[in-house]
């Protein structure tokens, strides 16, 4: 648990660990922040760098939600588009019967909303259905072609992000590693901060986190 996340600070922190330590790192899983990736590329020569799947899906969720908000602004009187955010972001198998019916009405109103939603579901399932990066890469080409055909600016923005990070996204199929554990710890830290209405002193916050989360922090 470090005081800062600036790239220079992280570089110095990991450098003091020594080359032997850094060369033992096999997998480095991260979000799409350049600072983290740059540190791994510079200091961890043997690491497979993986862009975390949940951050990829988070970016796609933002694209879907941005399109939803655009539709709401454009059709303010369309009741079928109201209060859909969390229903659209849920996994299809977790939807209730009522939620399914609400989506059907919204999709009748906007067929493209249904197409973007289905692309979201397809990419989510993609992560669990391919045994190696080569097959996953070929399927991703197909997904991108389908997405580009919609000419949806929110989806196009996501595709640009996807293409930029594509090799490291595909490394998931080599390593099968996610940031799930770290994100769980982050949620605990946010709860600690909320309960205390913030900590003006980082060391006090760090000690509280260690007390609640254990020395693995």
Protein backbone atom coordinates (compact mmCIF):
# COMPACT_ATOMS: atom_id res chain seq x y z
CA UNK A 1 0.00 0.00 0.00
CA UNK A 2 1.81 3.07 -1.29
CA UNK A 3 1.32 6.75 -0.67
CA UNK A 4 1.35 7.71 -4.36
CA UNK A 5 0.62 6.18 -7.76
CA UNK A 6 2.71 8.53 -9.90
CA UNK A 7 4.91 6.69 -12.37
CA UNK A 8 8.19 8.09 -11.02
CA UNK A 9 7.23 7.11 -7.46
CA UNK A 10 6.33 3.57 -8.56
CA UNK A 11 9.56 3.24 -10.55
CA UNK A 12 11.63 4.16 -7.50
CA UNK A 13 9.66 1.83 -5.25
CA UNK A 14 10.10 -1.21 -7.47
CA UNK A 15 13.71 -0.44 -8.35
CA UNK A 16 14.67 -0.65 -4.69
CA UNK A 17 13.29 -4.20 -4.69
CA UNK A 18 16.24 -5.24 -6.85
CA UNK A 19 16.63 -6.96 -10.22
CA UNK A 20 16.40 -10.47 -8.75
CA UNK A 21 12.98 -9.72 -7.28
CA UNK A 22 11.72 -8.02 -10.43
CA UNK A 23 12.92 -10.77 -12.76
CA UNK A 24 10.81 -13.28 -10.82
CA UNK A 25 7.57 -11.51 -11.74
CA UNK A 26 5.72 -13.78 -14.18
CA UNK A 27 2.41 -11.95 -14.65
CA UNK A 28 1.54 -8.27 -14.24
CA UNK A 29 -2.19 -7.54 -14.32
CA UNK A 30 -3.30 -3.94 -14.49
CA UNK A 31 -5.90 -1.48 -15.66
CA UNK A 32 -5.21 0.64 -18.74
CA UNK A 33 -3.24 3.37 -17.02
CA UNK A 34 0.03 3.98 -18.87
CA UNK A 35 1.96 4.55 -15.64
CA UNK A 36 1.44 1.00 -14.39
CA UNK A 37 2.16 -0.55 -17.77
CA UNK A 38 5.31 1.53 -18.27
CA UNK A 39 6.68 0.41 -14.91
CA UNK A 40 6.12 -3.24 -15.77
CA UNK A 41 7.65 -2.93 -19.23
CA UNK A 42 10.70 -1.09 -17.90
CA UNK A 43 11.44 -3.15 -14.80
CA UNK A 44 9.90 -6.64 -15.14
CA UNK A 45 11.57 -8.26 -18.15
CA UNK A 46 9.98 -11.69 -17.74
CA UNK A 47 6.43 -10.60 -16.98
CA UNK A 48 3.43 -11.22 -19.21
CA UNK A 49 1.48 -7.95 -19.01
CA UNK A 50 -2.28 -8.44 -18.87
CA UNK A 51 -4.88 -5.70 -19.16
CA UNK A 52 -7.53 -6.70 -16.64
CA UNK A 53 -10.76 -8.05 -18.16
CA UNK A 54 -13.03 -6.21 -15.73
CA UNK A 55 -11.52 -2.86 -16.71
CA UNK A 56 -12.07 -3.73 -20.37
CA UNK A 57 -15.70 -4.56 -19.66
CA UNK A 58 -15.98 -1.42 -17.54
CA UNK A 59 -15.02 0.65 -20.57
CA UNK A 60 -17.61 -1.14 -22.70
CA UNK A 61 -20.23 -0.56 -20.01
CA UNK A 62 -19.44 3.16 -20.19
CA UNK A 63 -19.98 3.12 -23.96
CA UNK A 64 -23.32 1.34 -23.57
CA UNK A 65 -24.41 3.71 -20.82
CA UNK A 66 -23.32 6.76 -22.82
CA UNK A 67 -25.50 5.58 -25.69
CA UNK A 68 -28.39 5.03 -23.27
CA UNK A 69 -28.02 8.59 -21.97
CA UNK A 70 -27.91 9.91 -25.52
CA UNK A 71 -31.20 8.17 -26.27
CA UNK A 72 -32.75 9.58 -23.10
CA UNK A 73 -31.74 13.11 -24.08
CA UNK A 74 -33.07 12.62 -27.60
CA UNK A 75 -36.38 11.04 -26.55
CA UNK A 76 -37.26 12.64 -23.23
CA UNK A 77 -40.85 11.45 -23.34
CA UNK A 78 -40.02 7.79 -24.03
CA UNK A 79 -40.93 6.02 -20.79
CA UNK A 80 -39.45 2.73 -22.03
CA UNK A 81 -35.97 4.29 -21.82
CA UNK A 82 -36.27 5.42 -18.22
CA UNK A 83 -34.30 3.79 -15.36
CA UNK A 84 -32.55 1.25 -17.57
CA UNK A 85 -28.94 1.81 -16.57
CA UNK A 86 -28.42 -1.04 -14.12
CA UNK A 87 -30.63 -3.42 -16.09
CA UNK A 88 -28.51 -2.91 -19.21
CA UNK A 89 -25.29 -3.46 -17.29
CA UNK A 90 -26.44 -6.69 -15.61
CA UNK A 91 -25.43 -10.02 -17.06
CA UNK A 92 -28.23 -11.45 -19.16
CA UNK A 93 -28.57 -14.61 -17.05
CA UNK A 94 -29.10 -12.50 -13.92
CA UNK A 95 -32.07 -10.56 -15.25
CA UNK A 96 -35.49 -11.08 -13.70
CA UNK A 97 -38.53 -11.74 -15.87
CA UNK A 98 -39.68 -8.17 -15.32
CA UNK A 99 -36.27 -6.82 -16.35
CA UNK A 100 -36.33 -8.95 -19.50
CA UNK A 101 -39.71 -7.46 -20.40
CA UNK A 102 -38.48 -3.93 -19.81
CA UNK A 103 -35.48 -4.53 -22.07
CA UNK A 104 -37.67 -5.98 -24.79
CA UNK A 105 -39.78 -2.81 -24.83
CA UNK A 106 -36.68 -0.61 -24.90
CA UNK A 107 -35.18 -2.68 -27.71
CA UNK A 108 -38.39 -2.42 -29.74
CA UNK A 109 -38.03 1.35 -29.41
CA UNK A 110 -34.29 1.34 -30.28
CA UNK A 111 -33.03 -1.72 -32.18
CA UNK A 112 -29.49 -0.33 -32.02
CA UNK A 113 -29.64 -0.31 -28.23
CA UNK A 114 -30.31 -4.03 -28.42
CA UNK A 115 -27.37 -4.51 -30.79
CA UNK A 116 -24.97 -2.66 -28.51
CA UNK A 117 -26.30 -4.59 -25.51
CA UNK A 118 -25.79 -7.90 -27.32
CA UNK A 119 -22.24 -6.92 -28.27
CA UNK A 120 -21.60 -6.23 -24.58
CA UNK A 121 -22.85 -9.70 -23.68
CA UNK A 122 -20.87 -11.33 -26.49
CA UNK A 123 -17.60 -9.76 -25.35
CA UNK A 124 -18.26 -10.77 -21.75
CA UNK A 125 -18.75 -14.38 -22.81
CA UNK A 126 -15.68 -14.19 -25.08
CA UNK A 127 -13.43 -14.19 -22.04
CA UNK A 128 -14.64 -17.62 -20.97
CA UNK A 129 -14.89 -19.47 -24.27
CA UNK A 130 -11.46 -19.60 -25.91
CA UNK A 131 -8.49 -21.75 -24.91
CA UNK A 132 -5.71 -19.66 -26.44
CA UNK A 133 -4.93 -16.11 -27.69
CA UNK A 134 -4.93 -17.08 -31.39
CA UNK A 135 -8.53 -18.28 -31.42
CA UNK A 136 -9.59 -15.39 -29.19
CA UNK A 137 -7.89 -12.94 -31.55
CA UNK A 138 -9.71 -14.30 -34.61
CA UNK A 139 -13.07 -14.05 -32.87
CA UNK A 140 -12.27 -10.51 -31.73
CA UNK A 141 -11.83 -9.49 -35.39
CA UNK A 142 -15.38 -10.69 -36.01
CA UNK A 143 -16.69 -8.80 -32.95
CA UNK A 144 -15.01 -5.57 -34.08
CA UNK A 145 -16.44 -5.89 -37.59
CA UNK A 146 -19.95 -6.26 -36.17
CA UNK A 147 -19.45 -3.30 -33.85
CA UNK A 148 -18.07 -1.04 -36.57
CA UNK A 149 -21.07 -1.73 -38.80
CA UNK A 150 -23.30 0.08 -36.29
CA UNK A 151 -21.40 3.37 -36.77
CA UNK A 152 -22.09 4.21 -33.14
CA UNK A 153 -19.67 6.87 -31.89
CA UNK A 154 -19.69 5.58 -28.32
CA UNK A 155 -18.90 2.08 -29.47
CA UNK A 156 -16.28 3.37 -31.91
CA UNK A 157 -14.51 5.11 -29.04
CA UNK A 158 -14.41 1.83 -27.14
CA UNK A 159 -13.07 0.01 -30.21
CA UNK A 160 -10.20 2.50 -30.41
CA UNK A 161 -9.32 1.71 -26.78
CA UNK A 162 -9.67 -2.00 -27.46
CA UNK A 163 -7.32 -1.84 -30.44
CA UNK A 164 -4.75 0.20 -28.56
CA UNK A 165 -4.50 -2.37 -25.77
CA UNK A 166 -5.36 -5.44 -27.83
CA UNK A 167 -2.12 -7.47 -27.39
CA UNK A 168 -2.20 -7.05 -23.62
CA UNK A 169 -5.94 -7.76 -23.48
CA UNK A 170 -5.31 -11.00 -25.37
CA UNK A 171 -2.62 -11.95 -22.84
CA UNK A 172 -5.49 -12.85 -20.53
CA UNK A 173 -5.83 -16.03 -22.56
CA UNK A 174 -2.23 -16.93 -21.70
CA UNK A 175 -2.41 -16.18 -18.01
CA UNK A 176 -6.08 -16.26 -16.97
CA UNK A 177 -5.34 -13.64 -14.30
CA UNK A 178 -7.60 -10.77 -13.25
CA UNK A 179 -7.47 -7.93 -10.73
CA UNK A 180 -10.46 -9.30 -8.84
CA UNK A 181 -8.67 -9.65 -5.49
CA UNK A 182 -7.12 -6.19 -5.73
CA UNK A 183 -10.45 -4.60 -6.65
CA UNK A 184 -12.00 -6.28 -3.63
CA UNK A 185 -9.35 -4.75 -1.39
CA UNK A 186 -9.93 -1.36 -3.05
CA UNK A 187 -13.60 -1.57 -2.14
CA UNK A 188 -12.68 -2.26 1.49
CA UNK A 189 -10.34 0.75 1.49
CA UNK A 190 -13.12 2.98 0.16
CA UNK A 191 -15.39 1.81 2.99
CA UNK A 192 -12.68 2.60 5.55
CA UNK A 193 -12.33 6.11 4.10
CA UNK A 194 -16.08 6.70 4.11
CA UNK A 195 -16.47 5.58 7.72
CA UNK A 196 -13.75 7.98 8.82
CA UNK A 197 -14.87 10.81 6.50
CA UNK A 198 -11.34 10.68 5.06
CA UNK A 199 -7.85 10.55 6.59
CA UNK A 200 -5.69 13.69 6.43
CA UNK A 201 -2.69 11.59 7.47
CA UNK A 202 -1.74 8.76 5.08
CA UNK A 203 0.15 6.76 7.71
CA UNK A 204 -2.92 6.68 9.96
CA UNK A 205 -4.99 5.45 7.01
CA UNK A 206 -2.36 2.82 6.20
CA UNK A 207 -2.35 1.50 9.77
CA UNK A 208 -6.17 1.33 9.81
CA UNK A 209 -6.10 -0.59 6.50
CA UNK A 210 -3.49 -3.01 7.82
CA UNK A 211 -5.55 -3.59 10.93
CA UNK A 212 -8.65 -4.42 8.90
CA UNK A 213 -7.13 -6.14 5.85
CA UNK A 214 -4.07 -7.83 7.34
CA UNK A 215 -0.31 -7.65 6.70
CA UNK A 216 -0.72 -8.82 3.08
CA UNK A 217 -1.43 -5.18 2.25
